C-alpha atoms as a PDB file:
ATOM      1  CA  MET A   1      66.332 -10.524  -0.588  1.00  0.00           C
ATOM      2  CA  LYS A   2      66.839 -11.213  -4.319  1.00  0.00           C
ATOM      3  CA  ARG A   3      65.045  -8.000  -5.224  1.00  0.00           C
ATOM      4  CA  GLN A   4      67.357  -6.019  -2.974  1.00  0.00           C
ATOM      5  CA  ILE A   5      70.406  -7.636  -4.524  1.00  0.00           C
ATOM      6  CA  ILE A   6      69.081  -6.993  -8.037  1.00  0.00           C
ATOM      7  CA  ALA A   7      68.236  -3.392  -7.153  1.00  0.00           C
ATOM      8  CA  PHE A   8      71.685  -2.884  -5.647  1.00  0.00           C
ATOM      9  CA  LEU A   9      73.437  -4.416  -8.639  1.00  0.00           C
ATOM     10  CA  SER A  10      71.323  -2.372 -11.040  1.00  0.00           C
ATOM     11  CA  LEU A  11      72.115   0.883  -9.258  1.00  0.00           C
ATOM     12  CA  PHE A  12      75.767  -0.085  -8.909  1.00  0.00           C
ATOM     13  CA  GLY A  13      75.920  -0.823 -12.638  1.00  0.00           C
ATOM     14  CA  LEU A  14      74.321   2.554 -13.347  1.00  0.00           C
ATOM     15  CA  VAL A  15      76.880   4.333 -11.180  1.00  0.00           C
ATOM     16  CA  VAL A  16      79.727   2.492 -12.896  1.00  0.00           C
ATOM     17  CA  CYS A  17      78.384   3.341 -16.368  1.00  0.00           C
ATOM     18  CA  LEU A  18      77.928   7.002 -15.478  1.00  0.00           C
ATOM     19  CA  SER A  19      81.382   7.129 -13.887  1.00  0.00           C
ATOM     20  CA  VAL A  20      82.983   5.672 -17.001  1.00  0.00           C
ATOM     21  CA  ALA A  21      81.061   8.118 -19.181  1.00  0.00           C
ATOM     22  CA  TYR A  22      82.194  11.016 -16.963  1.00  0.00           C
ATOM     23  CA  VAL A  23      85.834   9.941 -17.182  1.00  0.00           C
ATOM     24  CA  LEU A  24      85.727   9.403 -20.953  1.00  0.00           C
ATOM     25  CA  ILE A  25      84.060  12.717 -21.870  1.00  0.00           C
ATOM     26  CA  PRO A  26      86.809  15.119 -22.942  1.00  0.00           C
ATOM     27  CA  SER A  27      87.078  18.420 -21.127  1.00  0.00           C
ATOM     28  CA  PRO A  28      86.603  21.580 -23.183  1.00  0.00           C
ATOM     29  CA  LYS A  29      89.889  23.120 -24.394  1.00  0.00           C
ATOM     30  CA  GLN A  30      90.619  26.549 -22.999  1.00  0.00           C
ATOM     31  CA  ASN A  31      92.176  29.324 -24.989  1.00  0.00           C
ATOM     32  CA  ASN A  32      95.629  30.033 -23.531  1.00  0.00           C
ATOM     33  CA  GLU A  33      95.537  33.660 -24.662  1.00  0.00           C
ATOM     34  CA  ASP A  34      92.521  34.733 -22.600  1.00  0.00           C
ATOM     35  CA  LYS A  35      92.325  32.858 -19.317  1.00  0.00           C
ATOM     36  CA  SER A  36      90.325  35.561 -17.588  1.00  0.00           C
ATOM     37  CA  SER A  37      87.258  35.091 -19.786  1.00  0.00           C
ATOM     38  CA  ILE A  38      84.405  32.922 -18.595  1.00  0.00           C
ATOM     39  CA  VAL A  39      84.093  29.598 -20.341  1.00  0.00           C
ATOM     40  CA  ASN A  40      80.551  28.948 -21.523  1.00  0.00           C
ATOM     41  CA  ALA A  41      79.867  25.253 -21.782  1.00  0.00           C
ATOM     42  CA  LYS A  42      76.504  23.788 -22.595  1.00  0.00           C
ATOM     43  CA  ILE A  43      75.568  21.080 -20.139  1.00  0.00           C
ATOM     44  CA  GLU A  44      73.200  18.590 -21.675  1.00  0.00           C
ATOM     45  CA  ASP A  45      70.182  17.539 -19.676  1.00  0.00           C
ATOM     46  CA  ALA A  46      70.983  14.160 -18.155  1.00  0.00           C
ATOM     47  CA  THR A  47      67.319  13.354 -17.608  1.00  0.00           C
ATOM     48  CA  SER A  48      66.885  11.293 -20.746  1.00  0.00           C
ATOM     49  CA  LEU A  49      70.184   9.502 -20.074  1.00  0.00           C
ATOM     50  CA  TYR A  50      68.944   8.575 -16.593  1.00  0.00           C
ATOM     51  CA  TYR A  51      65.750   7.025 -17.929  1.00  0.00           C
ATOM     52  CA  GLU A  52      67.552   5.337 -20.813  1.00  0.00           C
ATOM     53  CA  MET A  53      70.054   3.733 -18.424  1.00  0.00           C
ATOM     54  CA  MET A  54      67.235   2.439 -16.230  1.00  0.00           C
ATOM     55  CA  SER A  55      65.502   1.007 -19.291  1.00  0.00           C
ATOM     56  CA  LEU A  56      68.716  -0.597 -20.534  1.00  0.00           C
ATOM     57  CA  GLU A  57      69.354  -2.207 -17.169  1.00  0.00           C
ATOM     58  CA  ARG A  58      65.796  -3.526 -17.098  1.00  0.00           C
ATOM     59  CA  GLU A  59      66.203  -4.932 -20.613  1.00  0.00           C
ATOM     60  CA  SER A  60      69.504  -6.525 -19.606  1.00  0.00           C
ATOM     61  CA  TYR A  61      67.844  -8.126 -16.591  1.00  0.00           C
ATOM     62  CA  TYR A  62      65.002  -9.501 -18.713  1.00  0.00           C
ATOM     63  CA  LEU A  63      67.461 -10.776 -21.303  1.00  0.00           C
ATOM     64  CA  SER A  64      69.428 -12.687 -18.669  1.00  0.00           C
ATOM     65  CA  ILE A  65      66.251 -14.319 -17.348  1.00  0.00           C
ATOM     66  CA  LYS A  66      65.158 -15.196 -20.895  1.00  0.00           C
ATOM     67  CA  ASN A  67      68.574 -16.719 -21.565  1.00  0.00           C
ATOM     68  CA  GLU A  68      68.272 -18.884 -18.446  1.00  0.00           C
ATOM     69  CA  HIS A  69      64.890 -20.153 -19.561  1.00  0.00           C
ATOM     70  CA  THR A  70      66.062 -20.620 -23.141  1.00  0.00           C
ATOM     71  CA  ASN A  71      68.900 -22.782 -21.837  1.00  0.00           C
ATOM     72  CA  ILE A  72      66.304 -24.920 -20.069  1.00  0.00           C
ATOM     73  CA  LEU A  73      64.340 -25.194 -23.322  1.00  0.00           C
ATOM     74  CA  ILE A  74      67.326 -26.366 -25.369  1.00  0.00           C
ATOM     75  CA  SER A  75      68.726 -28.645 -22.688  1.00  0.00           C
ATOM     76  CA  GLN A  76      68.226 -32.332 -23.344  1.00  0.00           C
ATOM     77  CA  GLU A  77      68.337 -33.011 -19.610  1.00  0.00           C
ATOM     78  CA  SER A  78      65.272 -30.874 -18.892  1.00  0.00           C
ATOM     79  CA  THR A  79      61.938 -32.575 -18.425  1.00  0.00           C
ATOM     80  CA  ILE A  80      58.863 -31.679 -20.448  1.00  0.00           C
ATOM     81  CA  GLU A  81      57.367 -29.987 -17.382  1.00  0.00           C
ATOM     82  CA  GLU A  82      60.507 -27.852 -16.878  1.00  0.00           C
ATOM     83  CA  LYS A  83      60.455 -26.873 -20.547  1.00  0.00           C
ATOM     84  CA  ALA A  84      56.770 -25.962 -20.360  1.00  0.00           C
ATOM     85  CA  ASN A  85      57.402 -23.813 -17.268  1.00  0.00           C
ATOM     86  CA  ALA A  86      60.385 -22.130 -18.944  1.00  0.00           C
ATOM     87  CA  LEU A  87      58.311 -21.356 -22.043  1.00  0.00           C
ATOM     88  CA  LYS A  88      55.530 -19.971 -19.857  1.00  0.00           C
ATOM     89  CA  LYS A  89      58.014 -17.713 -18.020  1.00  0.00           C
ATOM     90  CA  ILE A  90      59.416 -16.402 -21.312  1.00  0.00           C
ATOM     91  CA  GLU A  91      55.905 -15.617 -22.552  1.00  0.00           C
ATOM     92  CA  GLU A  92      55.089 -13.843 -19.269  1.00  0.00           C
ATOM     93  CA  LEU A  93      58.276 -11.771 -19.533  1.00  0.00           C
ATOM     94  CA  ASN A  94      57.438 -10.808 -23.111  1.00  0.00           C
ATOM     95  CA  LYS A  95      53.956  -9.748 -22.019  1.00  0.00           C
ATOM     96  CA  ILE A  96      55.359  -7.673 -19.145  1.00  0.00           C
ATOM     97  CA  GLN A  97      57.940  -6.044 -21.428  1.00  0.00           C
ATOM     98  CA  ASN A  98      55.258  -5.126 -23.949  1.00  0.00           C
ATOM     99  CA  LEU A  99      53.038  -3.674 -21.216  1.00  0.00           C
ATOM    100  CA  GLU A 100      55.920  -1.619 -19.796  1.00  0.00           C
ATOM    101  CA  LYS A 101      56.943  -0.235 -23.189  1.00  0.00           C
ATOM    102  CA  GLY A 102      53.337   0.448 -24.151  1.00  0.00           C
ATOM    103  CA  LEU A 103      52.616   2.309 -20.923  1.00  0.00           C
ATOM    104  CA  GLN A 104      55.785   4.370 -21.369  1.00  0.00           C
ATOM    105  CA  ASN A 105      54.614   5.310 -24.869  1.00  0.00           C
ATOM    106  CA  ALA A 106      51.151   6.124 -23.513  1.00  0.00           C
ATOM    107  CA  LEU A 107      52.737   8.427 -20.931  1.00  0.00           C
ATOM    108  CA  LYS A 108      54.673  10.172 -23.710  1.00  0.00           C
ATOM    109  CA  THR A 109      51.389  10.964 -25.462  1.00  0.00           C
ATOM    110  CA  ILE A 110      50.090  12.759 -22.346  1.00  0.00           C
ATOM    111  CA  ASN A 111      53.178  14.999 -22.082  1.00  0.00           C
ATOM    112  CA  PHE A 112      55.413  12.906 -19.826  1.00  0.00           C
ATOM    113  CA  PRO A 113      58.295  12.232 -22.246  1.00  0.00           C
ATOM    114  CA  HIS A 114      60.713  10.939 -19.622  1.00  0.00           C
ATOM    115  CA  SER A 115      59.295   7.997 -17.731  1.00  0.00           C
ATOM    116  CA  PHE A 116      60.222   4.551 -16.504  1.00  0.00           C
ATOM    117  CA  VAL A 117      57.724   1.762 -15.900  1.00  0.00           C
ATOM    118  CA  GLN A 118      58.459  -1.497 -14.121  1.00  0.00           C
ATOM    119  CA  ILE A 119      55.922  -4.201 -13.377  1.00  0.00           C
ATOM    120  CA  ASN A 120      56.725  -6.543 -10.481  1.00  0.00           C
ATOM    121  CA  ASP A 121      54.175  -9.155  -9.454  1.00  0.00           C
ATOM    122  CA  ASN A 122      51.084  -7.087  -8.553  1.00  0.00           C
ATOM    123  CA  GLU A 123      52.830  -3.712  -8.417  1.00  0.00           C
ATOM    124  CA  VAL A 124      53.457  -1.167 -11.150  1.00  0.00           C
ATOM    125  CA  ASN A 125      56.208   1.356 -10.402  1.00  0.00           C
ATOM    126  CA  ILE A 126      56.099   4.477 -12.529  1.00  0.00           C
ATOM    127  CA  ILE A 127      58.868   7.061 -12.295  1.00  0.00           C
ATOM    128  CA  VAL A 128      58.206  10.291 -14.160  1.00  0.00           C
ATOM    129  CA  GLU A 129      60.251  13.423 -14.653  1.00  0.00           C
ATOM    130  CA  ASN A 130      58.269  16.427 -13.493  1.00  0.00           C
ATOM    131  CA  LYS A 131      59.784  19.587 -12.027  1.00  0.00           C
ATOM    132  CA  ASN A 132      56.506  20.704 -10.427  1.00  0.00           C
ATOM    133  CA  PRO A 133      54.592  17.566  -9.453  1.00  0.00           C
ATOM    134  CA  SER A 134      50.997  17.894  -8.416  1.00  0.00           C
ATOM    135  CA  LYS A 135      48.186  15.643  -7.313  1.00  0.00           C
ATOM    136  CA  LYS A 136      46.527  16.354 -10.653  1.00  0.00           C
ATOM    137  CA  ASP A 137      49.569  14.979 -12.520  1.00  0.00           C
ATOM    138  CA  ALA A 138      49.605  11.893 -10.305  1.00  0.00           C
ATOM    139  CA  ALA A 139      45.890  11.363 -10.956  1.00  0.00           C
ATOM    140  CA  ILE A 140      46.394  11.722 -14.723  1.00  0.00           C
ATOM    141  CA  ILE A 141      49.223   9.189 -14.682  1.00  0.00           C
ATOM    142  CA  PHE A 142      47.265   6.832 -12.434  1.00  0.00           C
ATOM    143  CA  THR A 143      44.219   7.042 -14.704  1.00  0.00           C
ATOM    144  CA  GLU A 144      46.315   6.441 -17.832  1.00  0.00           C
ATOM    145  CA  ALA A 145      48.039   3.435 -16.214  1.00  0.00           C
ATOM    146  CA  THR A 146      44.763   1.957 -15.006  1.00  0.00           C
ATOM    147  CA  THR A 147      43.171   2.413 -18.417  1.00  0.00           C
ATOM    148  CA  TYR A 148      46.137   0.999 -20.303  1.00  0.00           C
ATOM    149  CA  LEU A 149      46.790  -2.003 -18.049  1.00  0.00           C
ATOM    150  CA  GLU A 150      43.108  -2.972 -17.649  1.00  0.00           C
ATOM    151  CA  ASP A 151      43.917  -4.842 -14.427  1.00  0.00           C
ATOM    152  CA  GLU A 152      42.315  -3.605 -11.240  1.00  0.00           C
ATOM    153  CA  ASN A 153      44.371  -5.911  -9.008  1.00  0.00           C
ATOM    154  CA  LEU A 154      47.608  -4.038  -9.663  1.00  0.00           C
ATOM    155  CA  GLU A 155      48.942  -1.539  -7.147  1.00  0.00           C
ATOM    156  CA  ILE A 156      50.176   1.527  -9.020  1.00  0.00           C
ATOM    157  CA  VAL A 157      52.962   3.611  -7.480  1.00  0.00           C
ATOM    158  CA  VAL A 158      53.782   6.959  -9.088  1.00  0.00           C
ATOM    159  CA  GLU A 159      57.061   8.662  -8.234  1.00  0.00           C
ATOM    160  CA  PHE A 160      58.196  12.059  -9.486  1.00  0.00           C
ATOM    161  CA  HIS A 161      61.800  13.063 -10.125  1.00  0.00           C
ATOM    162  CA  SER A 162      62.919  16.527 -11.065  1.00  0.00           C
END
């Protein structure tokens, strides 16, 4: 249930951020003299923005969890066992963050510049931008993830977005 709430809040936050960005971007000024001409506007590819927003939301989520555990560490009311568990959780989060960032960089080296990696328990979710996905691409990504993570107990899920 918590995962669903977190996923909902993350997507809701993304929608809000994109909506605010859409409202704040100024519209191109039209020339009043020639209204019959076609306006050529360059539309930037939103792909990188999509992956950046997902990464920022993930980082924000990790930061909030780290802050919770840091508060336990600095609290005088916390027991030694609670502090040890909090420190262990922070170290685990740091390890997961490093693995996610490293795998994203590894995917960039094999020509998948836009990707998002999230590790949850025993599952690795990889979202990759690919306009023409194939089984070969999925196998390449799967092999790279398996090689990089060096953990055979992880379930790897590859998802393509165009």
